[in-house]
Protein backbone atom coordinates (compact mmCIF):
# COMPACT_ATOMS: atom_id res chain seq x y z
CA MET A 1 -31.15 38.13 66.86
CA GLN A 2 -27.38 38.56 65.65
CA LYS A 3 -27.02 35.15 65.86
CA ILE A 4 -29.92 33.92 63.96
CA SER A 5 -28.86 36.43 61.06
CA VAL A 6 -25.21 35.03 61.08
CA LEU A 7 -26.50 31.36 60.58
CA THR A 8 -29.19 32.62 57.87
CA LEU A 9 -26.62 33.92 55.98
CA VAL A 10 -24.40 30.68 56.23
CA GLY A 11 -26.80 28.61 55.22
CA ILE A 12 -27.31 31.25 52.22
CA THR A 13 -23.75 31.11 51.24
CA VAL A 14 -23.65 27.24 51.60
CA ILE A 15 -26.79 26.98 49.34
CA ALA A 16 -25.31 28.74 46.99
CA VAL A 17 -22.02 26.83 46.19
CA LEU A 18 -24.13 23.80 45.72
CA ALA A 19 -26.25 25.30 43.55
CA TYR A 20 -22.62 26.75 41.72
CA THR A 21 -21.63 23.32 41.94
CA TYR A 22 -24.64 21.59 40.28
CA PHE A 23 -24.44 24.12 37.41
CA VAL A 24 -21.05 23.80 36.23
CA ALA A 25 -20.76 19.87 36.98
CA ASN A 26 -24.22 19.66 34.52
CA ALA A 27 -22.38 22.42 31.86
CA ASP A 28 -19.43 20.20 31.60
CA LEU A 29 -21.74 16.69 30.76
CA ALA A 30 -23.81 18.81 28.57
CA SER A 31 -20.48 18.94 26.24
CA VAL A 32 -20.14 15.44 26.00
CA ARG A 33 -21.12 13.05 23.21
CA VAL A 34 -22.86 10.09 23.92
CA LEU A 35 -22.13 7.23 20.85
CA ASP A 36 -24.33 4.17 20.51
CA GLY A 37 -24.85 4.52 24.41
CA THR A 38 -22.01 4.77 26.08
CA GLN A 39 -20.04 8.12 27.51
CA ALA A 40 -17.53 9.18 24.91
CA LYS A 41 -14.78 12.12 25.01
CA PRO A 42 -15.74 15.97 24.92
CA THR A 43 -16.78 16.73 21.64
CA SER A 44 -13.35 19.13 21.38
CA GLN A 45 -11.49 16.15 22.25
CA ILE A 46 -12.74 13.44 19.48
CA GLU A 47 -10.27 12.39 17.28
CA PRO A 48 -11.92 13.01 13.64
CA ALA A 49 -13.28 9.73 12.21
CA ALA A 50 -10.70 7.62 10.28
CA LYS A 51 -11.59 8.00 6.72
CA THR A 52 -11.77 4.30 5.35
CA GLN A 53 -11.74 3.83 1.41
CA ARG A 54 -12.25 0.38 0.21
CA ASN A 55 -12.06 -0.45 -3.20
CA THR A 56 -14.86 -2.41 -4.73
CA THR A 57 -13.66 -3.10 -8.08
CA LEU A 58 -13.34 -7.07 -9.05
CA HIS A 59 -10.77 -9.18 -6.95
CA LEU A 60 -9.03 -11.48 -9.70
CA GLN A 61 -6.37 -14.23 -8.96
CA ALA A 62 -5.56 -17.36 -10.82
CA ALA A 63 -6.97 -20.47 -10.36
CA GLY A 64 -5.93 -21.87 -6.80
CA SER A 65 -5.01 -18.84 -4.98
CA THR A 66 -7.02 -17.79 -1.93
CA SER A 67 -9.17 -14.89 -2.85
CA ASP A 68 -9.38 -11.83 -0.41
CA PRO A 69 -12.70 -10.16 0.20
CA GLN A 70 -11.26 -6.95 0.55
CA THR A 71 -9.22 -5.37 -2.65
CA PRO A 72 -6.58 -2.93 -0.65
CA SER A 73 -6.76 0.18 -1.68
CA PRO A 74 -4.50 2.61 -3.82
CA ARG A 75 -4.85 5.23 -1.40
CA ALA A 76 -1.53 6.71 -0.46
CA ASP A 77 -0.58 7.56 2.86
CA THR A 78 2.05 10.44 3.84
CA GLU A 79 4.70 8.03 5.76
CA ARG A 80 7.05 5.45 4.60
CA SER A 81 5.69 3.14 7.19
CA ARG A 82 2.00 2.16 8.75
CA GLY A 83 1.42 1.01 11.98
CA ALA A 84 3.52 -2.51 11.94
CA THR A 85 3.61 -2.50 7.89
CA THR A 86 6.76 -0.86 6.42
CA ASN A 87 7.41 -0.35 2.60
CA LEU A 88 11.21 -1.11 2.29
CA ILE A 89 11.12 0.07 -1.09
CA LEU A 90 13.58 3.02 -1.55
CA ALA A 91 11.71 4.68 -4.24
CA SER A 92 8.43 3.19 -4.77
CA ASP A 93 7.05 6.07 -7.30
CA ASN A 94 9.98 7.10 -9.24
CA LEU A 95 11.82 4.36 -11.05
CA ALA A 96 14.07 6.50 -13.30
CA HIS A 97 16.00 6.75 -9.19
CA ALA A 98 19.33 5.39 -8.79
CA SER A 99 17.99 2.56 -6.60
CA TRP A 100 16.81 1.02 -10.21
CA ARG A 101 18.95 -0.73 -12.39
CA ARG A 102 17.36 -0.67 -15.87
CA GLU A 103 18.03 -3.37 -18.51
CA HIS A 104 17.13 -2.75 -22.31
CA VAL A 105 14.04 -0.44 -21.05
CA SER A 106 13.88 3.56 -20.93
CA VAL A 107 11.91 4.98 -18.09
CA GLU A 108 9.34 8.02 -18.41
CA VAL A 109 8.58 9.87 -14.97
CA ASP A 110 5.56 11.86 -14.29
CA ALA A 111 4.32 9.93 -18.12
CA ALA A 112 0.31 9.13 -16.75
CA THR A 113 -2.03 9.35 -14.26
CA ALA A 114 -1.79 6.59 -11.43
CA PRO A 115 -4.06 4.61 -9.63
CA ASN A 116 -4.25 7.99 -6.79
CA GLY A 117 -4.89 10.27 -9.21
CA SER A 118 -1.63 12.02 -9.23
CA ARG A 119 0.53 12.08 -12.49
CA LYS A 120 3.21 10.37 -11.16
CA ALA A 121 2.68 6.96 -13.09
CA ASN A 122 6.35 5.79 -14.88
CA ARG A 123 6.40 4.56 -18.45
CA ILE A 124 8.37 1.45 -19.13
CA THR A 125 9.47 1.44 -22.77
CA GLU A 126 11.41 -1.72 -24.09
CA THR A 127 14.41 -0.79 -26.46
CA THR A 128 14.95 -2.53 -30.01
CA ASP A 129 17.52 -4.68 -28.10
CA ASP A 130 17.41 -8.48 -27.86
CA GLY A 131 17.73 -10.43 -24.48
CA LEU A 132 15.59 -9.39 -21.10
CA HIS A 133 14.01 -5.92 -20.95
CA ARG A 134 13.51 -5.42 -17.24
CA ILE A 135 14.12 -2.73 -14.03
CA GLU A 136 15.61 -4.39 -10.89
CA THR A 137 15.82 -2.61 -7.47
CA VAL A 138 17.73 -4.11 -3.97
CA VAL A 139 15.69 -3.83 -1.23
CA ASN A 140 17.32 -3.70 2.63
CA GLY A 141 15.57 -4.73 5.81
CA ALA A 142 13.84 -7.66 5.14
CA THR A 143 13.16 -9.98 8.39
CA ALA A 144 14.73 -13.56 7.51
CA ASP A 145 12.51 -16.85 7.45
CA ALA A 146 9.41 -14.20 7.25
CA ALA A 147 6.41 -14.31 4.00
CA HIS A 148 7.25 -10.80 2.26
CA THR A 149 4.93 -9.62 -0.28
CA PHE A 150 5.93 -7.55 -3.32
CA SER A 151 3.36 -5.46 -5.62
CA LEU A 152 2.95 -3.12 -8.02
CA PHE A 153 0.51 -1.19 -9.62
CA VAL A 154 0.87 -1.95 -13.55
CA LYS A 155 -1.26 -0.65 -16.79
CA PRO A 156 -0.79 -2.58 -20.59
CA ALA A 157 0.46 0.29 -22.80
CA GLY A 158 1.39 -2.25 -26.09
CA ARG A 159 2.29 -5.02 -23.24
CA ALA A 160 0.19 -6.60 -21.06
CA GLU A 161 2.08 -9.12 -20.04
CA LEU A 162 4.98 -8.89 -17.57
CA MET A 163 7.12 -11.01 -14.75
CA PHE A 164 8.88 -10.56 -11.40
CA GLU A 165 11.29 -12.23 -10.18
CA MET A 166 12.89 -12.24 -6.41
CA ARG A 167 15.61 -13.46 -4.57
CA ASP A 168 18.13 -13.06 -1.73
CA SER A 169 21.19 -12.05 -1.88
CA PRO A 170 23.12 -13.51 -1.90
CA THR A 171 21.39 -16.53 -3.56
CA GLY A 172 19.36 -18.48 -1.37
CA LYS A 173 15.27 -17.97 -1.69
CA TYR A 174 14.15 -17.62 -5.44
CA GLY A 175 11.05 -17.22 -7.30
CA THR A 176 8.99 -16.09 -10.24
CA VAL A 177 6.06 -15.27 -11.19
CA ARG A 178 4.59 -14.27 -14.51
CA PHE A 179 1.19 -12.00 -15.04
CA ASP A 180 -1.34 -11.49 -17.72
CA LEU A 181 -3.49 -8.56 -17.37
CA SER A 182 -5.32 -9.24 -20.37
CA LYS A 183 -7.13 -12.09 -18.33
CA GLY A 184 -6.24 -10.20 -14.92
CA THR A 185 -4.50 -13.91 -14.08
CA THR A 186 -1.14 -15.08 -12.64
CA PHE A 187 0.42 -18.07 -14.50
CA LEU A 188 4.24 -19.89 -14.10
CA GLU A 189 4.47 -19.50 -10.49
CA SER A 190 8.25 -21.11 -10.00
CA GLY A 191 10.58 -21.77 -7.17
CA ASP A 192 10.03 -20.48 -3.27
CA VAL A 193 6.87 -18.34 -4.34
CA VAL A 194 3.84 -19.27 -2.00
CA ASN A 195 1.05 -17.22 -3.22
CA ALA A 196 0.29 -14.35 -5.76
CA GLY A 197 -2.41 -12.54 -7.36
CA VAL A 198 -4.07 -9.45 -9.58
CA GLN A 199 -6.28 -7.20 -8.33
CA ALA A 200 -7.96 -5.13 -10.71
CA GLN A 201 -8.32 -1.31 -10.17
CA ALA A 202 -10.24 1.55 -11.89
CA ALA A 203 -8.93 3.14 -15.47
CA GLY A 204 -7.53 -0.20 -16.92
CA TRP A 205 -5.11 -0.35 -14.04
CA TYR A 206 -4.07 -3.77 -12.29
CA ARG A 207 -2.42 -4.63 -8.74
CA CYS A 208 0.43 -7.30 -9.45
CA TRP A 209 1.73 -9.33 -6.10
CA ALA A 210 3.55 -12.27 -5.20
CA SER A 211 4.51 -13.43 -1.89
CA MET A 212 7.44 -15.97 -0.60
CA PRO A 213 10.19 -16.42 2.21
CA PHE A 214 13.20 -14.79 2.35
CA SER A 215 16.40 -16.06 4.42
CA SER A 216 18.42 -12.98 4.21
CA GLN A 217 17.74 -9.23 4.86
CA GLN A 218 18.67 -8.19 1.72
CA THR A 219 16.45 -9.09 -1.49
CA VAL A 220 16.35 -8.35 -4.50
CA PHE A 221 13.64 -7.88 -6.96
CA ASN A 222 13.17 -7.13 -10.99
CA PHE A 223 10.19 -7.05 -13.03
CA ALA A 224 10.16 -7.71 -16.69
CA LEU A 225 7.88 -6.87 -19.75
CA LEU A 226 7.08 -10.31 -21.55
CA ASN A 227 6.44 -10.65 -25.46
CA SER A 228 3.17 -12.02 -26.82
CA ASP A 229 4.63 -15.47 -26.37
CA GLY A 230 4.86 -15.18 -22.38
CA GLY A 231 8.57 -15.20 -23.20
CA PRO A 232 11.06 -12.69 -21.52
CA ASN A 233 14.43 -13.29 -23.71
CA TYR A 234 12.79 -11.31 -27.24
CA ARG A 235 13.86 -8.41 -29.41
CA GLY A 236 11.92 -5.66 -28.13
CA ASP A 237 10.35 -3.02 -30.92
CA GLY A 238 11.15 0.63 -28.87
CA LYS A 239 8.08 1.51 -28.53
CA SER A 240 5.87 -0.95 -26.73
CA SER A 241 5.31 -0.01 -22.79
CA LEU A 242 3.91 -0.70 -19.34
CA LEU A 243 2.96 1.83 -17.06
CA VAL A 244 3.83 1.38 -13.39
CA TRP A 245 3.33 3.17 -10.02
CA GLY A 246 3.47 2.22 -6.47
CA ALA A 247 5.94 -0.39 -5.85
CA GLN A 248 6.02 -2.15 -2.65
CA PHE A 249 7.84 -4.49 -0.44
CA GLU A 250 6.74 -5.76 2.89
CA ALA A 251 6.76 -8.01 5.91
CA ALA A 252 3.44 -9.53 5.38
CA PRO A 253 1.36 -12.27 3.27
CA ARG A 254 -0.46 -9.83 1.20
CA PRO A 255 -0.40 -6.27 -0.06
CA SER A 256 -1.82 -3.36 2.58
CA ASP A 257 -2.69 -0.17 1.12
CA TYR A 258 -0.20 1.16 -0.79
CA ILE A 259 2.48 3.67 1.47
CA PRO A 260 4.47 5.74 -0.83
CA SER A 261 8.53 5.55 -0.08
CA GLU A 262 11.22 8.77 -1.01
CA PRO A 263 15.03 8.48 -0.62
């Protein structure tokens, strides 16, 4: 009689253990999300969904340029580099920084609202001097013989045309391209430039960009205001300007989403 009681107790204990194990297993499964029919990570471990921001405004380019169906967004990430893309410009928002050299222009920082909603746009105003009206920076870290893209957000403020000028340092590869924001086009591409375009943004902004290969790790980039005839050499009026923001130089054949950089 005593043996039967012991066996009965053992059996009850085994059943209880199995029942507890089954309950715990099902409780864990209850916290697992199922996405599209496949088992995903537990809810508490699923990373937040990436916020994608697509710019649906018109992408304007010069005749003969290859169109890009998705215009890169002006969304600003918090890193200077993201994935395989790095913005090699030292000071991308502050064009009054010492890394930018001014010639016959003045720079006013925080002068207007930028495409990302911040008040970080720079006002570049021509002086009354005769000559080129431009601002220039030296960029380090380029990959030799690879295509790189310069891009800049620009808004007319008395001037509606500008020119990019790019070269190796020391001199090797060289190219220029001019932009007409009133028409949303490029014109007079020259030298080693292989592609260029104008991307329309909200609130009258445009993103101008140009791509070309470079032979050295150090490059020089400048952009100049142009007069109403599209020429870079002229006597300024002391008031005509461009609003600019978000300078970017990256090892890529086209501009990616803007990545801010600070020294």
